[in-house]
PDB file of N, CA and C in Angstrom:
ATOM      1  N   MET A   1     195.783 121.348-133.811  1.00  0.00           N
ATOM      2  CA  MET A   1     195.312 122.689-134.050  1.00  0.00           C
ATOM      3  C   MET A   1     193.799 122.701-133.869  1.00  0.00           C
ATOM      4  N   ALA A   2     193.362 123.415-132.867  1.00  0.00           N
ATOM      5  CA  ALA A   2     191.939 123.493-132.550  1.00  0.00           C
ATOM      6  C   ALA A   2     191.316 124.722-133.192  1.00  0.00           C
ATOM      7  N   ALA A   3     190.020 124.624-133.460  1.00  0.00           N
ATOM      8  CA  ALA A   3     189.246 125.773-133.928  1.00  0.00           C
ATOM      9  C   ALA A   3     188.607 126.402-132.702  1.00  0.00           C
ATOM     10  N   VAL A   4     189.011 127.639-132.385  1.00  0.00           N
ATOM     11  CA  VAL A   4     188.549 128.313-131.179  1.00  0.00           C
ATOM     12  C   VAL A   4     187.732 129.535-131.576  1.00  0.00           C
ATOM     13  N   LEU A   5     186.555 129.663-130.977  1.00  0.00           N
ATOM     14  CA  LEU A   5     185.660 130.777-131.251  1.00  0.00           C
ATOM     15  C   LEU A   5     185.533 131.626-129.994  1.00  0.00           C
ATOM     16  N   HIS A   6     185.847 132.916-130.124  1.00  0.00           N
ATOM     17  CA  HIS A   6     185.672 133.878-129.035  1.00  0.00           C
ATOM     18  C   HIS A   6     184.489 134.758-129.395  1.00  0.00           C
ATOM     19  N   VAL A   7     183.505 134.826-128.518  1.00  0.00           N
ATOM     20  CA  VAL A   7     182.321 135.655-128.733  1.00  0.00           C
ATOM     21  C   VAL A   7     182.420 136.823-127.755  1.00  0.00           C
ATOM     22  N   LEU A   8     182.580 138.025-128.316  1.00  0.00           N
ATOM     23  CA  LEU A   8     182.786 139.214-127.484  1.00  0.00           C
ATOM     24  C   LEU A   8     181.569 140.115-127.532  1.00  0.00           C
ATOM     25  N   LYS A   9     181.131 140.548-126.343  1.00  0.00           N
ATOM     26  CA  LYS A   9     179.955 141.409-126.274  1.00  0.00           C
ATOM     27  C   LYS A   9     180.235 142.706-125.530  1.00  0.00           C
ATOM     28  N   THR A  10     181.480 142.931-125.137  1.00  0.00           N
ATOM     29  CA  THR A  10     181.854 144.128-124.388  1.00  0.00           C
ATOM     30  C   THR A  10     183.069 144.782-125.032  1.00  0.00           C
ATOM     31  N   PRO A  11     183.194 146.099-124.937  1.00  0.00           N
ATOM     32  CA  PRO A  11     184.351 146.756-125.554  1.00  0.00           C
ATOM     33  C   PRO A  11     185.655 146.533-124.787  1.00  0.00           C
ATOM     34  N   ASP A  12     185.610 146.064-123.542  1.00  0.00           N
ATOM     35  CA  ASP A  12     186.830 145.782-122.792  1.00  0.00           C
ATOM     36  C   ASP A  12     187.263 144.348-123.077  1.00  0.00           C
ATOM     37  N   ALA A  13     188.238 144.220-123.959  1.00  0.00           N
ATOM     38  CA  ALA A  13     188.665 142.888-124.394  1.00  0.00           C
ATOM     39  C   ALA A  13     190.096 142.579-123.963  1.00  0.00           C
ATOM     40  N   THR A  14     190.557 143.177-122.882  1.00  0.00           N
ATOM     41  CA  THR A  14     191.938 142.982-122.438  1.00  0.00           C
ATOM     42  C   THR A  14     192.235 141.510-122.180  1.00  0.00           C
ATOM     43  N   LEU A  15     191.407 140.868-121.391  1.00  0.00           N
ATOM     44  CA  LEU A  15     191.616 139.460-121.067  1.00  0.00           C
ATOM     45  C   LEU A  15     191.395 138.575-122.297  1.00  0.00           C
ATOM     46  N   ALA A  16     190.390 138.903-123.092  1.00  0.00           N
ATOM     47  CA  ALA A  16     190.122 138.129-124.310  1.00  0.00           C
ATOM     48  C   ALA A  16     191.304 138.204-125.263  1.00  0.00           C
ATOM     49  N   ARG A  17     191.886 139.389-125.415  1.00  0.00           N
ATOM     50  CA  ARG A  17     193.040 139.551-126.311  1.00  0.00           C
ATOM     51  C   ARG A  17     194.194 138.666-125.872  1.00  0.00           C
ATOM     52  N   ALA A  18     194.437 138.607-124.571  1.00  0.00           N
ATOM     53  CA  ALA A  18     195.521 137.764-124.057  1.00  0.00           C
ATOM     54  C   ALA A  18     195.255 136.290-124.363  1.00  0.00           C
ATOM     55  N   ALA A  19     194.013 135.852-124.187  1.00  0.00           N
ATOM     56  CA  ALA A  19     193.660 134.456-124.482  1.00  0.00           C
ATOM     57  C   ALA A  19     193.767 134.172-125.978  1.00  0.00           C
ATOM     58  N   ILE A  20     193.360 135.127-126.801  1.00  0.00           N
ATOM     59  CA  ILE A  20     193.438 134.968-128.253  1.00  0.00           C
ATOM     60  C   ILE A  20     194.887 134.838-128.691  1.00  0.00           C
ATOM     61  N   GLU A  21     195.747 135.701-128.172  1.00  0.00           N
ATOM     62  CA  GLU A  21     197.169 135.646-128.529  1.00  0.00           C
ATOM     63  C   GLU A  21     197.804 134.334-128.078  1.00  0.00           C
ATOM     64  N   GLN A  22     197.394 133.840-126.917  1.00  0.00           N
ATOM     65  CA  GLN A  22     197.910 132.559-126.427  1.00  0.00           C
ATOM     66  C   GLN A  22     197.476 131.420-127.351  1.00  0.00           C
ATOM     67  N   GLY A  23     196.225 131.457-127.784  1.00  0.00           N
ATOM     68  CA  GLY A  23     195.735 130.430-128.701  1.00  0.00           C
ATOM     69  C   GLY A  23     196.452 130.469-130.039  1.00  0.00           C
ATOM     70  N   LEU A  24     196.668 131.656-130.560  1.00  0.00           N
ATOM     71  CA  LEU A  24     197.403 131.780-131.825  1.00  0.00           C
ATOM     72  C   LEU A  24     198.814 131.237-131.675  1.00  0.00           C
ATOM     73  N   GLY A  25     199.440 131.519-130.537  1.00  0.00           N
ATOM     74  CA  GLY A  25     200.785 131.013-130.284  1.00  0.00           C
ATOM     75  C   GLY A  25     200.836 129.500-130.206  1.00  0.00           C
ATOM     76  N   ALA A  26     199.723 128.893-129.802  1.00  0.00           N
ATOM     77  CA  ALA A  26     199.638 127.431-129.714  1.00  0.00           C
ATOM     78  C   ALA A  26     199.269 126.808-131.056  1.00  0.00           C
ATOM     79  N   GLY A  27     199.010 127.656-132.061  1.00  0.00           N
ATOM     80  CA  GLY A  27     198.677 127.124-133.386  1.00  0.00           C
ATOM     81  C   GLY A  27     197.195 126.956-133.642  1.00  0.00           C
ATOM     82  N   ASP A  28     196.349 127.474-132.772  1.00  0.00           N
ATOM     83  CA  ASP A  28     194.901 127.359-132.962  1.00  0.00           C
ATOM     84  C   ASP A  28     194.421 128.256-134.099  1.00  0.00           C
ATOM     85  N   ARG A  29     193.324 127.840-134.733  1.00  0.00           N
ATOM     86  CA  ARG A  29     192.615 128.690-135.693  1.00  0.00           C
ATOM     87  C   ARG A  29     191.599 129.478-134.885  1.00  0.00           C
ATOM     88  N   VAL A  30     191.783 130.783-134.804  1.00  0.00           N
ATOM     89  CA  VAL A  30     190.975 131.603-133.911  1.00  0.00           C
ATOM     90  C   VAL A  30     190.024 132.487-134.718  1.00  0.00           C
ATOM     91  N   THR A  31     188.763 132.458-134.325  1.00  0.00           N
ATOM     92  CA  THR A  31     187.743 133.349-134.881  1.00  0.00           C
ATOM     93  C   THR A  31     187.163 134.149-133.728  1.00  0.00           C
ATOM     94  N   ALA A  32     186.986 135.456-133.952  1.00  0.00           N
ATOM     95  CA  ALA A  32     186.349 136.319-132.965  1.00  0.00           C
ATOM     96  C   ALA A  32     185.070 136.869-133.568  1.00  0.00           C
ATOM     97  N   VAL A  33     183.987 136.704-132.841  1.00  0.00           N
ATOM     98  CA  VAL A  33     182.699 137.253-133.264  1.00  0.00           C
ATOM     99  C   VAL A  33     182.383 138.418-132.343  1.00  0.00           C
ATOM    100  N   LEU A  34     182.155 139.588-132.946  1.00  0.00           N
ATOM    101  CA  LEU A  34     181.840 140.787-132.178  1.00  0.00           C
ATOM    102  C   LEU A  34     180.340 141.025-132.225  1.00  0.00           C
ATOM    103  N   LEU A  35     179.712 140.929-131.068  1.00  0.00           N
ATOM    104  CA  LEU A  35     178.282 141.174-130.951  1.00  0.00           C
ATOM    105  C   LEU A  35     178.027 142.669-130.777  1.00  0.00           C
ATOM    106  N   PRO A  36     176.778 143.118-130.929  1.00  0.00           N
ATOM    107  CA  PRO A  36     176.480 144.525-130.691  1.00  0.00           C
ATOM    108  C   PRO A  36     176.958 144.931-129.291  1.00  0.00           C
ATOM    109  N   GLY A  37     177.622 146.051-129.206  1.00  0.00           N
ATOM    110  CA  GLY A  37     178.170 146.523-127.942  1.00  0.00           C
ATOM    111  C   GLY A  37     179.657 146.298-127.815  1.00  0.00           C
ATOM    112  N   ALA A  38     180.202 145.399-128.622  1.00  0.00           N
ATOM    113  CA  ALA A  38     181.634 145.124-128.551  1.00  0.00           C
ATOM    114  C   ALA A  38     182.447 146.215-129.238  1.00  0.00           C
ATOM    115  N   GLY A  39     181.851 146.922-130.170  1.00  0.00           N
ATOM    116  CA  GLY A  39     182.581 147.969-130.876  1.00  0.00           C
ATOM    117  C   GLY A  39     183.596 147.386-131.847  1.00  0.00           C
ATOM    118  N   ARG A  40     184.552 148.193-132.223  1.00  0.00           N
ATOM    119  CA  ARG A  40     185.640 147.774-133.130  1.00  0.00           C
ATOM    120  C   ARG A  40     186.891 147.544-132.297  1.00  0.00           C
ATOM    121  N   LEU A  41     187.284 146.308-132.140  1.00  0.00           N
ATOM    122  CA  LEU A  41     188.427 145.968-131.305  1.00  0.00           C
ATOM    123  C   LEU A  41     189.657 145.709-132.155  1.00  0.00           C
ATOM    124  N   GLU A  42     190.802 146.069-131.632  1.00  0.00           N
ATOM    125  CA  GLU A  42     192.071 145.758-132.272  1.00  0.00           C
ATOM    126  C   GLU A  42     192.462 144.330-131.885  1.00  0.00           C
ATOM    127  N   LEU A  43     192.475 143.447-132.864  1.00  0.00           N
ATOM    128  CA  LEU A  43     192.844 142.054-132.629  1.00  0.00           C
ATOM    129  C   LEU A  43     193.988 141.688-133.556  1.00  0.00           C
ATOM    130  N   PRO A  44     194.768 140.662-133.210  1.00  0.00           N
ATOM    131  CA  PRO A  44     195.860 140.244-134.090  1.00  0.00           C
ATOM    132  C   PRO A  44     195.348 139.935-135.494  1.00  0.00           C
ATOM    133  N   ARG A  45     196.181 140.188-136.500  1.00  0.00           N
ATOM    134  CA  ARG A  45     195.737 140.043-137.885  1.00  0.00           C
ATOM    135  C   ARG A  45     195.441 138.592-138.289  1.00  0.00           C
ATOM    136  N   ASP A  46     195.947 137.629-137.542  1.00  0.00           N
ATOM    137  CA  ASP A  46     195.682 136.225-137.865  1.00  0.00           C
ATOM    138  C   ASP A  46     194.312 135.753-137.378  1.00  0.00           C
ATOM    139  N   VAL A  47     193.590 136.616-136.688  1.00  0.00           N
ATOM    140  CA  VAL A  47     192.265 136.274-136.165  1.00  0.00           C
ATOM    141  C   VAL A  47     191.216 136.588-137.225  1.00  0.00           C
ATOM    142  N   ARG A  48     190.362 135.639-137.498  1.00  0.00           N
ATOM    143  CA  ARG A  48     189.223 135.878-138.402  1.00  0.00           C
ATOM    144  C   ARG A  48     188.143 136.584-137.579  1.00  0.00           C
ATOM    145  N   VAL A  49     187.773 137.784-137.997  1.00  0.00           N
ATOM    146  CA  VAL A  49     186.812 138.590-137.242  1.00  0.00           C
ATOM    147  C   VAL A  49     185.494 138.660-137.995  1.00  0.00           C
ATOM    148  N   ARG A  50     184.414 138.397-137.278  1.00  0.00           N
ATOM    149  CA  ARG A  50     183.058 138.491-137.837  1.00  0.00           C
ATOM    150  C   ARG A  50     182.248 139.433-136.958  1.00  0.00           C
ATOM    151  N   HIS A  51     181.324 140.167-137.557  1.00  0.00           N
ATOM    152  CA  HIS A  51     180.467 141.107-136.837  1.00  0.00           C
ATOM    153  C   HIS A  51     179.009 140.676-136.963  1.00  0.00           C
ATOM    154  N   VAL A  52     178.355 140.495-135.819  1.00  0.00           N
ATOM    155  CA  VAL A  52     176.935 140.149-135.794  1.00  0.00           C
ATOM    156  C   VAL A  52     176.164 141.404-135.413  1.00  0.00           C
ATOM    157  N   PRO A  53     175.196 141.807-136.151  1.00  0.00           N
ATOM    158  CA  PRO A  53     174.598 141.188-137.321  1.00  0.00           C
ATOM    159  C   PRO A  53     175.162 141.700-138.644  1.00  0.00           C
ATOM    160  N   GLY A  54     176.250 142.448-138.667  1.00  0.00           N
ATOM    161  CA  GLY A  54     176.798 143.029-139.895  1.00  0.00           C
ATOM    162  C   GLY A  54     177.103 142.037-140.997  1.00  0.00           C
ATOM    163  N   ASP A  55     178.185 141.282-140.864  1.00  0.00           N
ATOM    164  CA  ASP A  55     178.569 140.338-141.916  1.00  0.00           C
ATOM    165  C   ASP A  55     178.335 138.886-141.517  1.00  0.00           C
ATOM    166  N   CYS A  56     177.666 138.689-140.384  1.00  0.00           N
ATOM    167  CA  CYS A  56     177.393 137.337-139.889  1.00  0.00           C
ATOM    168  C   CYS A  56     176.033 137.359-139.191  1.00  0.00           C
ATOM    169  N   SER A  57     175.123 136.526-139.643  1.00  0.00           N
ATOM    170  CA  SER A  57     173.796 136.471-139.015  1.00  0.00           C
ATOM    171  C   SER A  57     173.867 135.621-137.743  1.00  0.00           C
ATOM    172  N   TYR A  58     172.827 135.680-136.946  1.00  0.00           N
ATOM    173  CA  TYR A  58     172.781 134.842-135.748  1.00  0.00           C
ATOM    174  C   TYR A  58     172.736 133.357-136.117  1.00  0.00           C
ATOM    175  N   SER A  59     172.121 133.041-137.227  1.00  0.00           N
ATOM    176  CA  SER A  59     172.113 131.663-137.707  1.00  0.00           C
ATOM    177  C   SER A  59     173.526 131.200-138.067  1.00  0.00           C
ATOM    178  N   GLN A  60     174.292 132.081-138.714  1.00  0.00           N
ATOM    179  CA  GLN A  60     175.680 131.753-139.045  1.00  0.00           C
ATOM    180  C   GLN A  60     176.530 131.645-137.785  1.00  0.00           C
ATOM    181  N   LEU A  61     176.233 132.480-136.776  1.00  0.00           N
ATOM    182  CA  LEU A  61     176.937 132.375-135.501  1.00  0.00           C
ATOM    183  C   LEU A  61     176.698 131.011-134.879  1.00  0.00           C
ATOM    184  N   LEU A  62     175.483 130.540-134.920  1.00  0.00           N
ATOM    185  CA  LEU A  62     175.177 129.216-134.387  1.00  0.00           C
ATOM    186  C   LEU A  62     175.978 128.139-135.118  1.00  0.00           C
ATOM    187  N   ASP A  63     176.091 128.259-136.432  1.00  0.00           N
ATOM    188  CA  ASP A  63     176.917 127.319-137.199  1.00  0.00           C
ATOM    189  C   ASP A  63     178.373 127.365-136.743  1.00  0.00           C
ATOM    190  N   LEU A  64     178.903 128.579-136.539  1.00  0.00           N
ATOM    191  CA  LEU A  64     180.287 128.718-136.068  1.00  0.00           C
ATOM    192  C   LEU A  64     180.478 128.048-134.715  1.00  0.00           C
ATOM    193  N   ILE A  65     179.489 128.179-133.844  1.00  0.00           N
ATOM    194  CA  ILE A  65     179.580 127.562-132.525  1.00  0.00           C
ATOM    195  C   ILE A  65     179.703 126.046-132.651  1.00  0.00           C
ATOM    196  N   PHE A  66     178.879 125.433-133.492  1.00  0.00           N
ATOM    197  CA  PHE A  66     178.909 123.978-133.628  1.00  0.00           C
ATOM    198  C   PHE A  66     180.122 123.493-134.403  1.00  0.00           C
ATOM    199  N   GLU A  67     180.738 124.351-135.226  1.00  0.00           N
ATOM    200  CA  GLU A  67     181.935 123.972-135.977  1.00  0.00           C
ATOM    201  C   GLU A  67     183.203 124.077-135.143  1.00  0.00           C
ATOM    202  N   SER A  68     183.142 124.772-134.020  1.00  0.00           N
ATOM    203  CA  SER A  68     184.328 125.053-133.213  1.00  0.00           C
ATOM    204  C   SER A  68     184.586 123.946-132.192  1.00  0.00           C
ATOM    205  N   ASP A  69     185.866 123.762-131.894  1.00  0.00           N
ATOM    206  CA  ASP A  69     186.252 122.808-130.857  1.00  0.00           C
ATOM    207  C   ASP A  69     186.072 123.410-129.464  1.00  0.00           C
ATOM    208  N   GLN A  70     186.211 124.738-129.387  1.00  0.00           N
ATOM    209  CA  GLN A  70     186.091 125.430-128.105  1.00  0.00           C
ATOM    210  C   GLN A  70     185.415 126.780-128.358  1.00  0.00           C
ATOM    211  N   VAL A  71     184.496 127.157-127.486  1.00  0.00           N
ATOM    212  CA  VAL A  71     183.787 128.441-127.587  1.00  0.00           C
ATOM    213  C   VAL A  71     183.938 129.159-126.252  1.00  0.00           C
ATOM    214  N   ILE A  72     184.377 130.412-126.323  1.00  0.00           N
ATOM    215  CA  ILE A  72     184.554 131.216-125.120  1.00  0.00           C
ATOM    216  C   ILE A  72     183.751 132.500-125.296  1.00  0.00           C
ATOM    217  N   ALA A  73     182.865 132.771-124.354  1.00  0.00           N
ATOM    218  CA  ALA A  73     182.048 133.991-124.392  1.00  0.00           C
ATOM    219  C   ALA A  73     182.607 134.989-123.388  1.00  0.00           C
ATOM    220  N   TRP A  74     182.799 136.198-123.825  1.00  0.00           N
ATOM    221  CA  TRP A  74     183.346 137.268-122.981  1.00  0.00           C
ATOM    222  C   TRP A  74     182.305 138.318-122.747  1.00  0.00           C
TER     223      TRP A  74
END
Protein backbone atom coordinates (compact mmCIF):
# COMPACT_ATOMS: atom_id res chain seq x y z
CA MET A 1 0.00 0.00 0.00
CA ALA A 2 1.65 3.17 -1.23
CA ALA A 3 1.05 6.72 -0.06
CA VAL A 4 0.11 8.68 -3.19
CA LEU A 5 -0.20 12.47 -3.31
CA HIS A 6 -2.11 14.19 -6.12
CA VAL A 7 -1.54 17.94 -6.40
CA LEU A 8 -4.30 19.59 -8.43
CA LYS A 9 -4.12 23.13 -9.74
CA THR A 10 -6.88 23.10 -12.37
CA PRO A 11 -10.65 22.62 -12.09
CA ASP A 12 -10.62 19.96 -14.86
CA ALA A 13 -9.78 16.83 -12.90
CA THR A 14 -11.24 14.17 -15.20
CA LEU A 15 -7.95 12.35 -15.74
CA ALA A 16 -6.84 12.89 -12.13
CA ARG A 17 -10.10 11.39 -10.84
CA ALA A 18 -9.56 8.27 -12.94
CA ALA A 19 -6.00 7.88 -11.60
CA ILE A 20 -7.19 8.47 -8.03
CA GLU A 21 -9.91 5.83 -8.34
CA GLN A 22 -7.39 3.38 -9.81
CA GLY A 23 -5.03 3.98 -6.89
CA LEU A 24 -7.80 3.50 -4.35
CA GLY A 25 -8.74 0.25 -6.07
CA ALA A 26 -5.14 -0.90 -5.73
CA GLY A 27 -5.24 -0.19 -1.99
CA ASP A 28 -3.18 3.01 -2.00
CA ARG A 29 -3.59 5.72 0.63
CA VAL A 30 -4.52 8.69 -1.53
CA THR A 31 -4.29 12.36 -0.58
CA ALA A 32 -5.37 15.16 -2.91
CA VAL A 33 -4.11 18.69 -2.39
CA LEU A 34 -6.14 21.40 -4.10
CA LEU A 35 -4.12 24.49 -4.95
CA PRO A 36 -5.67 27.89 -5.71
CA GLY A 37 -7.54 27.59 -9.00
CA ALA A 38 -8.55 23.98 -8.52
CA GLY A 39 -11.89 24.92 -6.98
CA ARG A 40 -14.02 22.38 -5.12
CA LEU A 41 -13.74 19.01 -6.83
CA GLU A 42 -15.88 15.95 -6.27
CA LEU A 43 -13.49 13.19 -5.23
CA PRO A 44 -14.13 9.72 -3.78
CA ARG A 45 -14.82 9.81 -0.04
CA ASP A 46 -11.78 7.65 0.76
CA VAL A 47 -9.47 10.41 -0.49
CA ARG A 48 -7.97 12.72 2.12
CA VAL A 49 -8.46 16.23 0.70
CA ARG A 50 -6.39 19.24 1.74
CA HIS A 51 -6.74 22.84 0.51
CA VAL A 52 -3.72 25.13 0.12
CA PRO A 53 -3.58 27.68 1.66
CA GLY A 54 -6.91 27.03 3.50
CA ASP A 55 -6.28 24.09 5.83
CA CYS A 56 -2.76 23.25 4.64
CA SER A 57 0.17 25.65 4.40
CA TYR A 58 2.82 25.44 1.70
CA SER A 59 5.23 24.20 4.36
CA GLN A 60 2.81 21.39 5.22
CA LEU A 61 2.46 20.62 1.50
CA LEU A 62 6.22 20.19 1.30
CA ASP A 63 6.04 17.76 4.23
CA LEU A 64 3.30 15.79 2.44
CA ILE A 65 5.47 15.60 -0.67
CA PHE A 66 8.40 14.10 1.24
CA GLU A 67 6.12 11.70 3.17
CA SER A 68 4.58 10.29 -0.03
CA ASP A 69 5.82 7.36 -2.06
CA GLN A 70 4.52 8.93 -5.27
CA VAL A 71 3.58 12.53 -6.14
CA ILE A 72 1.56 13.45 -9.22
CA ALA A 73 0.98 17.07 -10.22
CA TRP A 74 -1.99 17.87 -12.44
